[in-house]
Amino acid sequence: MRKAGVGAAAVVLLAVLMFFAVSSWSRQPAVAKPSVQPINFPHTVHVQTYKIDCQYCHSDARRSEYAGLPSVERCMGCHKITAADKAEIKKLAEYHAKKEPIPWVRVNKLPEFTYFPHKAHIRAGLKCQTCHGAVETMTTFAADTGPKLTVDLLNLAGLRPAPPSLTMGWCVDCHREQNATAGRHAPLDCVTCHH
């Protein structure tokens, strides 16, 4: 009789933990998924083949909260000649002829109440790949942001899996690591990112 009571208590405890994990996870922002873009942009070609620095296209990263996207004019600076016969470049030329920006689908998106200044991270000497992964190997850029149910359940079970990129825990861990190993003074207080 006593064993049945312990087993039932364990089942109830597990059910409560599962409920909290699922309810906590369901209130989190959606995970960013690879999206279909209006123009196929192969980072592999631009970064690996032609050695174009991230900040050439994402020039706002060194002076702003947002990294920004290149203007159609910047893209056409090279593509008036380079690969002008390719289908994707013809799409680019159409936007340029209409004087319209390319309607890129945003991939990296943090919660609205989160402030993330790219410029502070660029000035600290961090590479873009630190947060965005090996973009130079991607033909289609994709991001993995926000909490995941599996990570929440593993944490509840007492295991500490590597948090997915661009979560608060991942950012705080990076700040702690930079402070400990690189002698930086990356802030750890909440109001730095949430105000």
Protein backbone atom coordinates (compact mmCIF):
# COMPACT_ATOMS: atom_id res chain seq x y z
CA MET A 1 0.00 0.00 0.00
CA ARG A 2 2.86 2.35 0.86
CA LYS A 3 4.60 1.73 -2.52
CA ALA A 4 1.40 2.65 -4.37
CA GLY A 5 1.24 5.96 -2.47
CA VAL A 6 4.85 6.82 -3.35
CA GLY A 7 4.26 5.90 -6.99
CA ALA A 8 1.10 8.02 -7.15
CA ALA A 9 2.92 10.96 -5.52
CA ALA A 10 5.71 10.65 -8.09
CA VAL A 11 3.18 10.66 -10.95
CA VAL A 12 1.42 13.73 -9.51
CA LEU A 13 4.77 15.52 -9.04
CA LEU A 14 5.77 14.70 -12.62
CA ALA A 15 2.41 15.94 -13.90
CA VAL A 16 2.80 19.22 -11.99
CA LEU A 17 6.33 19.71 -13.34
CA MET A 18 5.13 18.98 -16.88
CA PHE A 19 2.26 21.46 -16.45
CA PHE A 20 4.63 24.22 -15.31
CA ALA A 21 7.10 23.49 -18.10
CA VAL A 22 4.43 23.52 -20.80
CA SER A 23 2.65 26.60 -19.44
CA SER A 24 5.97 28.44 -19.09
CA TRP A 25 7.08 27.42 -22.56
CA SER A 26 3.76 28.32 -24.19
CA ARG A 27 4.02 31.93 -22.96
CA GLN A 28 7.37 32.42 -24.68
CA PRO A 29 7.82 34.06 -28.08
CA ALA A 30 7.64 31.79 -31.08
CA VAL A 31 10.85 30.26 -32.34
CA ALA A 32 12.13 31.92 -35.49
CA LYS A 33 12.01 29.55 -38.43
CA PRO A 34 13.86 29.68 -41.71
CA SER A 35 11.66 31.69 -44.01
CA VAL A 36 11.12 32.04 -47.68
CA GLN A 37 12.71 35.32 -48.78
CA PRO A 38 11.69 37.38 -51.82
CA ILE A 39 15.19 36.90 -53.24
CA ASN A 40 17.39 33.91 -52.57
CA PHE A 41 20.50 35.35 -50.93
CA PRO A 42 23.36 32.82 -50.60
CA HIS A 43 25.63 33.99 -47.78
CA THR A 44 28.07 31.27 -48.85
CA VAL A 45 28.79 32.99 -52.15
CA HIS A 46 29.03 36.50 -50.76
CA VAL A 47 31.06 35.70 -47.63
CA GLN A 48 33.14 32.64 -48.56
CA THR A 49 33.69 33.11 -52.28
CA TYR A 50 33.93 36.91 -52.48
CA LYS A 51 35.10 37.56 -48.88
CA ILE A 52 32.58 40.35 -48.30
CA ASP A 53 32.63 41.42 -44.65
CA CYS A 54 29.30 41.23 -42.78
CA GLN A 55 29.40 44.95 -42.06
CA TYR A 56 29.61 45.86 -45.72
CA CYS A 57 25.97 44.81 -46.11
CA HIS A 58 24.90 45.20 -42.46
CA SER A 59 26.59 48.56 -41.99
CA ASP A 60 24.27 49.77 -39.21
CA ALA A 61 25.68 47.10 -36.86
CA ARG A 62 28.61 49.28 -35.84
CA ARG A 63 26.47 52.32 -34.98
CA SER A 64 23.00 51.12 -34.08
CA GLU A 65 20.80 48.72 -32.18
CA TYR A 66 19.92 46.99 -35.44
CA ALA A 67 22.37 45.56 -37.93
CA GLY A 68 20.21 46.71 -40.81
CA LEU A 69 19.96 45.41 -44.34
CA PRO A 70 21.66 46.75 -47.43
CA SER A 71 19.78 49.10 -49.70
CA VAL A 72 18.85 47.91 -53.16
CA GLU A 73 21.35 50.48 -54.44
CA ARG A 74 24.18 48.85 -52.48
CA CYS A 75 23.30 45.43 -53.92
CA MET A 76 23.08 46.84 -57.42
CA GLY A 77 26.50 48.46 -57.00
CA CYS A 78 27.96 45.01 -57.72
CA HIS A 79 25.07 43.38 -59.51
CA LYS A 80 24.70 45.85 -62.37
CA ILE A 81 27.47 43.74 -63.88
CA THR A 82 28.05 40.70 -61.67
CA ALA A 83 25.63 37.84 -62.37
CA ALA A 84 23.17 40.22 -64.03
CA ASP A 85 21.81 37.36 -66.15
CA LYS A 86 20.78 35.24 -63.12
CA ALA A 87 17.08 35.00 -62.20
CA GLU A 88 17.55 36.21 -58.60
CA ILE A 89 19.55 39.24 -59.75
CA LYS A 90 16.83 40.07 -62.27
CA LYS A 91 14.39 40.18 -59.32
CA LEU A 92 16.80 42.53 -57.54
CA ALA A 93 16.96 44.73 -60.65
CA GLU A 94 13.15 44.92 -60.72
CA TYR A 95 13.07 46.30 -57.16
CA HIS A 96 15.80 48.75 -58.13
CA ALA A 97 13.92 49.89 -61.25
CA LYS A 98 10.74 50.46 -59.18
CA LYS A 99 12.78 52.22 -56.48
CA GLU A 100 11.31 49.81 -53.92
CA PRO A 101 13.12 48.21 -50.99
CA ILE A 102 13.31 44.44 -50.94
CA PRO A 103 10.63 43.16 -48.54
CA TRP A 104 12.91 40.81 -46.59
CA VAL A 105 11.25 38.57 -44.03
CA ARG A 106 12.80 39.19 -40.61
CA VAL A 107 14.47 36.12 -39.12
CA ASN A 108 16.15 37.29 -35.90
CA LYS A 109 13.62 38.85 -33.59
CA LEU A 110 13.94 39.30 -29.86
CA PRO A 111 10.94 40.08 -27.62
CA GLU A 112 9.77 43.71 -27.86
CA PHE A 113 10.88 44.53 -24.32
CA THR A 114 14.47 43.51 -25.07
CA TYR A 115 17.11 46.06 -26.06
CA PHE A 116 20.07 44.63 -27.96
CA PRO A 117 22.66 47.10 -29.27
CA HIS A 118 24.71 45.55 -32.05
CA LYS A 119 27.22 48.41 -31.84
CA ALA A 120 28.31 47.53 -28.28
CA HIS A 121 29.03 43.97 -29.34
CA ILE A 122 30.91 45.02 -32.48
CA ARG A 123 33.00 47.48 -30.43
CA ALA A 124 33.78 44.67 -27.97
CA GLY A 125 35.30 42.77 -30.89
CA LEU A 126 32.77 39.95 -31.06
CA LYS A 127 32.36 38.29 -34.42
CA CYS A 128 28.88 38.15 -35.93
CA GLN A 129 29.14 34.34 -35.88
CA THR A 130 29.24 34.39 -32.06
CA CYS A 131 25.48 35.03 -31.99
CA HIS A 132 24.34 34.23 -35.52
CA GLY A 133 26.27 31.03 -36.13
CA ALA A 134 28.41 30.19 -39.14
CA VAL A 135 26.48 32.44 -41.52
CA GLU A 136 29.23 32.08 -44.10
CA THR A 137 28.21 28.42 -44.54
CA MET A 138 24.48 29.15 -44.95
CA THR A 139 22.73 29.31 -48.26
CA THR A 140 19.51 30.33 -46.48
CA PHE A 141 19.87 32.20 -43.22
CA ALA A 142 17.93 30.73 -40.32
CA ALA A 143 17.83 31.52 -36.62
CA ASP A 144 17.04 29.47 -33.56
CA THR A 145 15.62 31.85 -30.97
CA GLY A 146 13.59 31.54 -27.83
CA PRO A 147 13.00 28.75 -25.31
CA LYS A 148 12.23 25.17 -26.28
CA LEU A 149 10.11 22.64 -24.43
CA THR A 150 12.90 20.05 -24.43
CA VAL A 151 15.32 22.52 -22.84
CA ASP A 152 12.73 23.48 -20.20
CA LEU A 153 12.08 19.82 -19.34
CA LEU A 154 15.79 19.01 -19.10
CA ASN A 155 16.30 22.00 -16.79
CA LEU A 156 13.39 20.81 -14.61
CA ALA A 157 15.02 17.39 -14.41
CA GLY A 158 18.20 19.03 -13.08
CA LEU A 159 20.21 18.74 -16.29
CA ARG A 160 21.78 21.80 -17.84
CA PRO A 161 21.72 21.51 -21.62
CA ALA A 162 23.32 24.20 -23.73
CA PRO A 163 20.63 26.85 -24.13
CA PRO A 164 19.52 27.61 -27.65
CA SER A 165 21.07 30.68 -29.21
CA LEU A 166 19.56 34.10 -28.59
CA THR A 167 17.80 33.23 -25.34
CA MET A 168 18.30 35.37 -22.27
CA GLY A 169 20.18 32.55 -20.53
CA TRP A 170 22.53 32.15 -23.48
CA CYS A 171 23.26 35.90 -23.54
CA VAL A 172 23.86 36.08 -19.77
CA ASP A 173 26.16 33.03 -19.95
CA CYS A 174 28.12 34.73 -22.74
CA HIS A 175 28.46 37.93 -20.69
CA ARG A 176 29.70 35.92 -17.70
CA GLU A 177 32.18 34.02 -19.87
CA GLN A 178 33.47 37.23 -21.47
CA ASN A 179 33.91 38.83 -18.04
CA ALA A 180 35.75 35.79 -16.67
CA THR A 181 37.96 34.89 -19.64
CA ALA A 182 38.41 38.08 -21.67
CA GLY A 183 38.53 40.59 -18.82
CA ARG A 184 35.53 42.47 -20.17
CA HIS A 185 32.88 44.26 -18.15
CA ALA A 186 29.75 42.99 -19.90
CA PRO A 187 26.78 44.06 -17.79
CA LEU A 188 24.74 41.47 -15.94
CA ASP A 189 21.95 43.66 -14.55
CA CYS A 190 18.42 43.29 -15.93
CA VAL A 191 17.95 46.95 -16.96
CA THR A 192 20.78 46.72 -19.45
CA CYS A 193 18.56 44.78 -21.87
CA HIS A 194 15.08 45.24 -20.38
CA HIS A 195 13.88 48.84 -20.00
